[in-house]
Amino acid sequence: MGKFEIYKDKREEFRFRLKAGNGQTILSSEGYKTKASCNNGIESVKKNSQDDNRFERRESKSGKPFFNLKSTNGQVIGNSEMYSSVSAMENGIASVKKNAPDASVDDQS
């Protein structure tokens, strides 16, 4: 089962990452000023990850596929790593859809 990890970055902002059952990070957040905002971001991922239209499939300048997960207002709430292929990216999206709704929260901040 997946889990969200909350941690503080170098700028003392709260961030979360969604990890799959195998421990691989499948989604990372932006920095938040408060832990409450970070928790709201996690709840937004849980809700929005079930709507395929919320996944914005992109390609980096170097040609590597990646995705962003957006909220109902269009704001990016999480982004993926760079993938080696479109099919690998689609597997990443499927993993977010599967793991996010029931993921536990591990607060490491």
Protein backbone atom coordinates (compact mmCIF):
# COMPACT_ATOMS: atom_id res chain seq x y z
CA MET A 1 0.00 0.00 0.00
CA GLY A 2 1.18 3.51 -0.77
CA LYS A 3 1.93 6.30 1.66
CA PHE A 4 2.39 10.04 1.72
CA GLU A 5 5.54 11.28 3.44
CA ILE A 6 5.53 14.83 4.81
CA TYR A 7 8.96 16.42 5.24
CA LYS A 8 10.66 19.81 5.43
CA ASP A 9 12.94 20.96 2.62
CA LYS A 10 16.08 23.11 2.87
CA ARG A 11 13.96 26.27 2.92
CA GLU A 12 11.96 24.90 5.87
CA GLU A 13 8.86 24.48 3.71
CA PHE A 14 6.59 21.46 4.07
CA ARG A 15 6.43 19.05 1.15
CA PHE A 16 4.93 15.64 0.52
CA ARG A 17 5.79 12.76 -1.71
CA LEU A 18 3.55 9.83 -2.58
CA LYS A 19 5.36 6.52 -2.50
CA ALA A 20 4.11 3.29 -4.00
CA GLY A 21 4.08 0.06 -2.01
CA ASN A 22 7.58 -0.73 -3.30
CA GLY A 23 8.94 2.52 -1.85
CA GLN A 24 9.34 4.32 -5.17
CA THR A 25 8.32 7.99 -5.24
CA ILE A 26 5.52 8.44 -7.78
CA LEU A 27 4.41 12.03 -7.06
CA SER A 28 6.07 15.04 -5.40
CA SER A 29 4.57 18.31 -4.21
CA GLU A 30 5.52 21.94 -4.22
CA GLY A 31 6.63 23.63 -1.00
CA TYR A 32 3.99 24.77 1.49
CA LYS A 33 4.44 27.40 4.23
CA THR A 34 2.28 25.49 6.74
CA LYS A 35 1.70 21.85 7.57
CA ALA A 36 -2.06 22.43 7.29
CA SER A 37 -1.63 23.56 3.67
CA CYS A 38 0.52 20.50 2.99
CA ASN A 39 -2.20 18.24 4.42
CA ASN A 40 -4.77 20.01 2.23
CA GLY A 41 -2.54 19.20 -0.75
CA ILE A 42 -2.54 15.53 0.20
CA GLU A 43 -6.33 15.51 0.45
CA SER A 44 -6.50 17.18 -2.97
CA VAL A 45 -4.28 14.45 -4.46
CA LYS A 46 -6.48 11.74 -2.95
CA LYS A 47 -9.57 13.31 -4.52
CA ASN A 48 -8.22 14.48 -7.88
CA SER A 49 -6.14 11.39 -8.63
CA GLN A 50 -9.32 9.49 -9.47
CA ASP A 51 -10.13 11.74 -12.45
CA ASP A 52 -7.96 11.00 -15.49
CA ASN A 53 -8.67 14.51 -16.81
CA ARG A 54 -6.68 15.94 -13.88
CA PHE A 55 -3.45 14.36 -15.18
CA GLU A 56 -1.55 16.65 -17.52
CA ARG A 57 0.77 14.56 -19.67
CA ARG A 58 3.86 16.53 -20.69
CA GLU A 59 7.27 16.16 -22.30
CA SER A 60 10.46 17.77 -21.01
CA LYS A 61 12.81 19.79 -23.20
CA SER A 62 15.01 16.69 -23.42
CA GLY A 63 12.06 14.65 -24.70
CA LYS A 64 11.31 12.69 -21.52
CA PRO A 65 7.66 12.16 -20.61
CA PHE A 66 6.33 13.27 -17.21
CA PHE A 67 2.99 14.30 -15.72
CA ASN A 68 1.46 16.88 -13.43
CA LEU A 69 -1.63 16.30 -11.30
CA LYS A 70 -3.90 19.35 -11.21
CA SER A 71 -6.71 20.34 -8.88
CA THR A 72 -10.17 21.45 -10.03
CA ASN A 73 -8.94 25.07 -10.23
CA GLY A 74 -6.08 24.06 -12.55
CA GLN A 75 -3.29 24.46 -9.98
CA VAL A 76 -0.54 21.81 -10.06
CA ILE A 77 -0.64 19.80 -6.81
CA GLY A 78 1.99 17.22 -7.69
CA ASN A 79 4.44 16.26 -10.37
CA SER A 80 6.16 13.06 -11.41
CA GLU A 81 9.69 12.09 -12.16
CA MET A 82 10.96 11.99 -15.74
CA TYR A 83 10.17 8.68 -17.44
CA SER A 84 12.00 6.77 -20.14
CA SER A 85 8.86 6.20 -22.23
CA VAL A 86 5.21 7.16 -22.53
CA SER A 87 4.16 3.68 -21.39
CA ALA A 88 6.32 4.02 -18.25
CA MET A 89 4.65 7.39 -17.57
CA GLU A 90 1.19 5.85 -17.99
CA ASN A 91 2.20 3.15 -15.49
CA GLY A 92 3.18 5.96 -13.09
CA ILE A 93 -0.24 7.58 -13.51
CA ALA A 94 -1.94 4.22 -12.90
CA SER A 95 0.15 3.81 -9.75
CA VAL A 96 -0.93 7.23 -8.43
CA LYS A 97 -4.58 6.37 -9.13
CA LYS A 98 -4.19 3.07 -7.30
CA ASN A 99 -2.11 4.22 -4.31
CA ALA A 100 -3.32 7.75 -3.50
CA PRO A 101 -6.91 7.23 -2.28
CA ASP A 102 -6.08 4.92 0.65
CA ALA A 103 -2.48 5.96 1.30
CA SER A 104 -1.45 6.53 4.88
CA VAL A 105 0.37 9.71 5.96
CA ASP A 106 3.85 9.48 7.49
CA ASP A 107 4.77 12.84 9.01
CA GLN A 108 8.58 13.13 9.08
CA SER A 109 8.70 16.91 9.50
